[in-house]
Amino acid sequence: MAVNSDPPFEALAIQHCVEGSRTTVLAINDGIGQFVDPFDDTIEWSEFIVFGISDEDEAIERVYEDDFSATTKIGTIYGCHIPVSLIVNLGADPYQVCDNTHADLEALYSVIEEYEYDVMDIIDDIYYIHEIELCPEYQNKGYEEMLLLQLPAIVVKTLRVFPSLLMYYPSPIHRDEPERDLEAEEIIRHRINFSTQEVFKNEKENDILYFPPKREVSMKEINRIIGCRNPGDTVPNSYRNIELYRLYESVGFEEIGQTGWLCKRITCIYGSDVKIMSDDF
């Protein structure tokens, strides 16, 4: 694939940025795995800052010394790695971990379970693409396709994991917002507060009395209120950014059903999934 670039770049430099600093304290007598919490320690959001490097050996050497002054920023890739096999080995449910982490990840794993991707295929690791943001001067010039083709290699070389799937959800260009059911929202809010209070029974002065609901609330409405995806949810064609879907499909992504979710299975990083830099780049 040719990239119309000015100036032409002969290589990419990827700077891996993790949000915030993290301090970890471990007791020397802790057993292996005792200090790993699948709900807090497994999924980490990160940002890849992508730079173009001109054909200069000196510029590449400076990059390896964390000096990016001779490079040109192309854009950023923001997303996260979901270590499915690790979460399972730690005895947790990947859906629950995703649900506790972010609404997008809850929807992602809801689709995987509904379409039985976790049964039909071995999924060790998923990389979720939240957003690819290019600098204005590099938009619509083929760079997003190039980054999508190089993304498996970027993930392997920076995160040291091999993604079984790349997944992305193009945001609908518009959506119909259903009329709010205020009574149902109040019922669910009370249930949540009561359940939370049950966990902290020692705080007697703040006990919340349980009252039977005036009516039953459907699971579909419950999911809407708490921000979870309902099984069977689809994205109408009129809501889709068709150009964005075509872009991802052009580099090997396929839609899962009519859910709007796009995925690409990575079979071999040295095969057709990754294009090595060529004279056209």
Protein backbone atom coordinates (compact mmCIF):
# COMPACT_ATOMS: atom_id res chain seq x y z
CA MET A 1 0.00 0.00 0.00
CA ALA A 2 1.40 3.36 -0.97
CA VAL A 3 1.22 6.27 1.42
CA ASN A 4 1.12 9.74 -0.06
CA SER A 5 3.48 11.45 2.33
CA ASP A 6 5.31 14.73 2.25
CA PRO A 7 7.97 14.49 3.53
CA PRO A 8 8.41 10.75 2.82
CA PHE A 9 9.20 8.65 5.87
CA GLU A 10 11.39 5.57 5.73
CA ALA A 11 10.46 4.25 9.18
CA LEU A 12 8.14 4.70 12.12
CA ALA A 13 9.04 5.33 15.75
CA ILE A 14 6.46 4.27 18.34
CA GLN A 15 6.53 5.86 21.78
CA HIS A 16 4.48 3.79 24.25
CA CYS A 17 2.82 5.96 26.90
CA VAL A 18 0.90 4.56 29.87
CA GLU A 19 -1.48 6.92 31.62
CA GLY A 20 -0.26 8.06 35.01
CA SER A 21 2.47 6.61 37.19
CA ARG A 22 2.08 3.47 39.22
CA THR A 23 3.80 2.36 42.40
CA THR A 24 3.62 -1.28 43.38
CA VAL A 25 4.55 -2.63 46.81
CA LEU A 26 4.89 -6.40 47.29
CA ALA A 27 5.65 -8.36 50.43
CA ILE A 28 8.68 -10.60 49.92
CA ASN A 29 6.80 -13.57 51.41
CA ASP A 30 3.82 -13.33 49.06
CA GLY A 31 3.30 -16.40 46.94
CA ILE A 32 3.34 -16.19 43.18
CA GLY A 33 -0.01 -14.83 41.98
CA GLN A 34 -1.35 -13.92 45.42
CA PHE A 35 -0.84 -10.24 44.74
CA VAL A 36 -2.45 -10.22 41.26
CA ASP A 37 -6.03 -8.97 41.13
CA PRO A 38 -7.72 -9.77 37.79
CA PHE A 39 -10.08 -6.86 38.29
CA ASP A 40 -7.40 -4.25 38.90
CA ASP A 41 -4.11 -5.49 37.48
CA THR A 42 -4.82 -7.09 34.11
CA ILE A 43 -6.29 -4.46 31.78
CA GLU A 44 -4.25 -1.34 31.16
CA TRP A 45 -5.01 1.53 28.80
CA SER A 46 -2.13 2.98 26.89
CA GLU A 47 -1.27 5.36 24.11
CA PHE A 48 1.10 4.80 21.20
CA ILE A 49 2.54 8.03 19.81
CA VAL A 50 3.60 7.50 16.21
CA PHE A 51 6.44 9.45 14.61
CA GLY A 52 7.79 9.40 11.08
CA ILE A 53 11.54 9.13 10.62
CA SER A 54 13.31 10.38 7.52
CA ASP A 55 16.03 8.34 5.85
CA GLU A 56 18.79 9.27 8.24
CA ASP A 57 20.69 6.74 10.34
CA GLU A 58 21.48 9.45 12.86
CA ALA A 59 17.78 10.22 13.39
CA ILE A 60 17.04 6.56 14.10
CA GLU A 61 19.93 6.34 16.57
CA ARG A 62 18.61 9.42 18.39
CA VAL A 63 15.15 7.85 18.67
CA TYR A 64 16.62 4.84 20.47
CA GLU A 65 18.04 7.35 22.96
CA ASP A 66 14.53 8.84 23.48
CA ASP A 67 15.40 11.89 21.41
CA PHE A 68 12.51 12.51 18.99
CA SER A 69 13.62 15.97 17.90
CA ALA A 70 14.50 14.75 14.39
CA THR A 71 11.13 13.04 13.85
CA THR A 72 7.69 14.20 12.75
CA LYS A 73 4.62 13.27 14.78
CA ILE A 74 2.02 11.48 12.65
CA GLY A 75 -0.62 10.71 15.27
CA THR A 76 -1.61 8.53 18.21
CA ILE A 77 -3.25 5.17 18.78
CA TYR A 78 -5.25 4.91 22.00
CA GLY A 79 -6.59 1.59 23.28
CA CYS A 80 -6.01 -1.29 25.67
CA HIS A 81 -4.85 -4.87 25.89
CA ILE A 82 -7.24 -7.48 27.34
CA PRO A 83 -5.29 -10.59 28.46
CA VAL A 84 -8.17 -13.07 28.21
CA SER A 85 -6.18 -16.23 28.95
CA LEU A 86 -4.47 -14.62 31.96
CA ILE A 87 -7.82 -13.49 33.39
CA VAL A 88 -9.20 -17.02 32.99
CA ASN A 89 -6.09 -18.55 34.58
CA LEU A 90 -6.56 -16.22 37.55
CA GLY A 91 -10.02 -17.71 38.02
CA ALA A 92 -12.04 -14.71 36.87
CA ASP A 93 -14.68 -14.18 34.19
CA PRO A 94 -13.36 -11.99 31.32
CA TYR A 95 -16.82 -10.49 30.81
CA GLN A 96 -17.04 -9.41 34.46
CA VAL A 97 -13.54 -7.93 34.37
CA CYS A 98 -14.39 -6.01 31.19
CA ASP A 99 -17.73 -4.89 32.65
CA ASN A 100 -16.00 -3.56 35.76
CA THR A 101 -13.40 -1.72 33.68
CA HIS A 102 -15.20 0.25 30.96
CA ALA A 103 -18.56 0.35 29.16
CA ASP A 104 -16.87 -0.15 25.79
CA LEU A 105 -15.14 -3.29 27.02
CA GLU A 106 -18.41 -4.63 28.45
CA ALA A 107 -20.00 -4.23 25.02
CA LEU A 108 -16.94 -5.80 23.35
CA TYR A 109 -17.01 -8.96 25.43
CA SER A 110 -20.80 -9.14 25.32
CA VAL A 111 -20.52 -9.45 21.53
CA ILE A 112 -17.76 -12.07 21.82
CA GLU A 113 -19.90 -14.20 24.12
CA GLU A 114 -23.10 -13.75 22.14
CA TYR A 115 -21.43 -14.89 18.93
CA GLU A 116 -19.43 -17.55 20.82
CA TYR A 117 -16.04 -16.32 19.70
CA ASP A 118 -14.74 -17.50 23.07
CA VAL A 119 -16.02 -21.01 22.28
CA MET A 120 -15.28 -21.33 18.55
CA ASP A 121 -11.79 -19.84 18.66
CA ILE A 122 -8.90 -19.73 21.08
CA ILE A 123 -8.57 -16.14 22.24
CA ASP A 124 -5.51 -15.41 24.33
CA ASP A 125 -5.24 -11.64 23.98
CA ILE A 126 -7.39 -8.87 22.53
CA TYR A 127 -6.24 -5.41 21.60
CA TYR A 128 -9.12 -2.93 21.64
CA ILE A 129 -8.66 0.13 19.42
CA HIS A 130 -10.42 2.99 21.13
CA GLU A 131 -9.25 5.70 18.74
CA ILE A 132 -6.68 6.46 16.08
CA GLU A 133 -6.08 10.19 15.85
CA LEU A 134 -3.92 11.56 13.06
CA CYS A 135 -2.40 15.01 12.90
CA PRO A 136 -4.43 17.13 10.43
CA GLU A 137 -1.75 17.18 7.74
CA TYR A 138 -1.67 13.35 7.60
CA GLN A 139 -5.41 12.67 7.47
CA ASN A 140 -6.91 11.04 4.37
CA LYS A 141 -3.48 10.21 2.94
CA GLY A 142 -3.34 6.49 3.70
CA TYR A 143 -1.67 6.72 7.10
CA GLU A 144 -4.56 5.22 9.06
CA GLU A 145 -4.54 2.13 6.84
CA MET A 146 -0.78 1.88 7.27
CA LEU A 147 -1.05 2.09 11.07
CA LEU A 148 -3.80 -0.54 11.15
CA LEU A 149 -1.62 -2.91 9.12
CA GLN A 150 1.36 -2.27 11.41
CA LEU A 151 -0.67 -2.43 14.66
CA PRO A 152 -0.02 -6.14 15.41
CA ALA A 153 3.72 -5.51 15.21
CA ILE A 154 3.36 -2.37 17.35
CA VAL A 155 1.50 -4.33 20.05
CA VAL A 156 4.02 -7.20 20.02
CA LYS A 157 7.08 -4.94 20.15
CA THR A 158 5.75 -2.59 22.84
CA LEU A 159 3.42 -4.66 25.04
CA ARG A 160 5.24 -7.98 24.45
CA VAL A 161 1.97 -9.80 23.78
CA PHE A 162 0.56 -11.32 20.61
CA PRO A 163 -3.05 -10.20 20.03
CA SER A 164 -5.44 -12.93 18.90
CA LEU A 165 -7.95 -10.27 17.86
CA LEU A 166 -7.94 -6.59 17.05
CA MET A 167 -11.34 -5.03 17.77
CA TYR A 168 -12.89 -1.64 17.05
CA TYR A 169 -16.34 -0.07 17.28
CA PRO A 170 -17.02 2.86 14.93
CA SER A 171 -19.27 5.22 16.85
CA PRO A 172 -22.70 5.61 15.21
CA ILE A 173 -23.13 8.96 13.49
CA HIS A 174 -26.40 9.37 15.37
CA ARG A 175 -28.68 7.26 17.52
CA ASP A 176 -32.27 7.38 18.72
CA GLU A 177 -32.39 8.04 22.45
CA PRO A 178 -35.39 6.25 24.02
CA GLU A 179 -37.64 8.19 26.33
CA ARG A 180 -36.40 7.83 29.88
CA ASP A 181 -38.39 5.64 32.23
CA LEU A 182 -37.92 7.63 35.42
CA GLU A 183 -39.82 5.17 37.59
CA ALA A 184 -37.66 2.27 36.40
CA GLU A 185 -34.52 4.33 37.00
CA GLU A 186 -35.63 5.01 40.57
CA ILE A 187 -36.33 1.31 41.17
CA ILE A 188 -32.92 0.27 39.87
CA ARG A 189 -31.18 3.05 41.80
CA HIS A 190 -32.81 1.86 45.01
CA ARG A 191 -31.85 -1.76 44.33
CA ILE A 192 -28.22 -0.76 43.76
CA ASN A 193 -28.12 1.35 46.92
CA PHE A 194 -29.73 -1.43 48.95
CA SER A 195 -27.32 -4.06 47.59
CA THR A 196 -24.37 -1.81 48.34
CA GLN A 197 -25.63 -1.24 51.87
CA GLU A 198 -25.94 -5.00 52.38
CA VAL A 199 -22.20 -5.30 51.79
CA PHE A 200 -21.49 -2.77 54.54
CA LYS A 201 -23.95 -3.96 57.21
CA ASN A 202 -21.82 -2.51 59.98
CA GLU A 203 -22.94 1.01 59.01
CA LYS A 204 -26.29 0.58 60.76
CA GLU A 205 -27.04 4.27 60.96
CA ASN A 206 -27.21 4.45 57.18
CA ASP A 207 -29.36 1.37 56.58
CA ILE A 208 -31.54 1.65 53.50
CA LEU A 209 -34.92 -0.03 53.88
CA TYR A 210 -35.87 -2.35 51.06
CA PHE A 211 -39.30 -1.90 49.54
CA PRO A 212 -40.87 -4.14 46.90
CA PRO A 213 -40.86 -2.45 43.49
CA LYS A 214 -44.13 -1.08 42.16
CA ARG A 215 -43.56 -3.10 39.03
CA GLU A 216 -41.00 -5.39 37.45
CA VAL A 217 -38.31 -3.82 35.29
CA SER A 218 -37.26 -5.74 32.19
CA MET A 219 -33.66 -6.85 31.81
CA LYS A 220 -33.44 -4.80 28.62
CA GLU A 221 -34.41 -1.66 30.55
CA ILE A 222 -32.04 -2.55 33.40
CA ASN A 223 -29.15 -2.86 30.95
CA ARG A 224 -30.05 0.47 29.38
CA ILE A 225 -30.07 2.19 32.76
CA ILE A 226 -26.77 0.73 33.97
CA GLY A 227 -25.10 1.18 30.57
CA CYS A 228 -24.72 -2.44 29.45
CA ARG A 229 -25.24 -3.84 25.97
CA ASN A 230 -28.35 -5.92 25.36
CA PRO A 231 -27.88 -9.21 23.48
CA GLY A 232 -29.17 -8.84 19.95
CA ASP A 233 -28.43 -5.11 19.73
CA THR A 234 -27.58 -4.09 16.17
CA VAL A 235 -26.52 -0.90 14.40
CA PRO A 236 -28.84 0.21 11.55
CA ASN A 237 -27.12 1.08 8.29
CA SER A 238 -28.47 4.63 8.51
CA TYR A 239 -26.45 5.12 11.72
CA ARG A 240 -23.14 3.95 10.28
CA ASN A 241 -20.15 5.94 9.14
CA ILE A 242 -19.87 3.90 5.94
CA GLU A 243 -16.47 5.31 4.95
CA LEU A 244 -15.00 4.26 8.29
CA TYR A 245 -16.36 0.73 7.93
CA ARG A 246 -14.91 0.50 4.42
CA LEU A 247 -11.55 1.71 5.68
CA TYR A 248 -11.30 -1.03 8.30
CA GLU A 249 -12.68 -3.71 5.98
CA SER A 250 -10.02 -2.77 3.41
CA VAL A 251 -7.31 -3.89 5.85
CA GLY A 252 -8.93 -7.17 6.84
CA PHE A 253 -11.50 -6.33 9.54
CA GLU A 254 -14.91 -8.03 9.46
CA GLU A 255 -18.10 -7.11 11.25
CA ILE A 256 -19.44 -9.47 13.90
CA GLY A 257 -23.04 -10.01 12.84
CA GLN A 258 -24.79 -6.65 12.55
CA THR A 259 -23.46 -5.45 15.91
CA GLY A 260 -21.27 -2.69 14.49
CA TRP A 261 -18.21 -4.31 16.09
CA LEU A 262 -15.29 -4.95 13.76
CA CYS A 263 -12.63 -7.57 14.41
CA LYS A 264 -9.54 -8.92 12.75
CA ARG A 265 -7.97 -12.24 13.67
CA ILE A 266 -4.19 -12.14 13.63
CA THR A 267 -2.83 -15.47 12.46
CA CYS A 268 0.79 -14.74 11.64
CA ILE A 269 2.56 -11.48 12.25
CA TYR A 270 5.08 -12.34 9.54
CA GLY A 271 2.40 -13.09 6.97
CA SER A 272 -0.03 -10.82 5.17
CA ASP A 273 -1.24 -9.13 8.36
CA VAL A 274 1.75 -6.82 8.53
CA LYS A 275 3.29 -5.03 5.59
CA ILE A 276 7.02 -4.49 5.82
CA MET A 277 8.17 -1.02 4.80
CA SER A 278 8.57 -0.88 1.05
CA ASP A 279 9.77 1.54 -1.58
CA ASP A 280 6.18 2.81 -1.89
CA PHE A 281 6.22 4.14 1.70
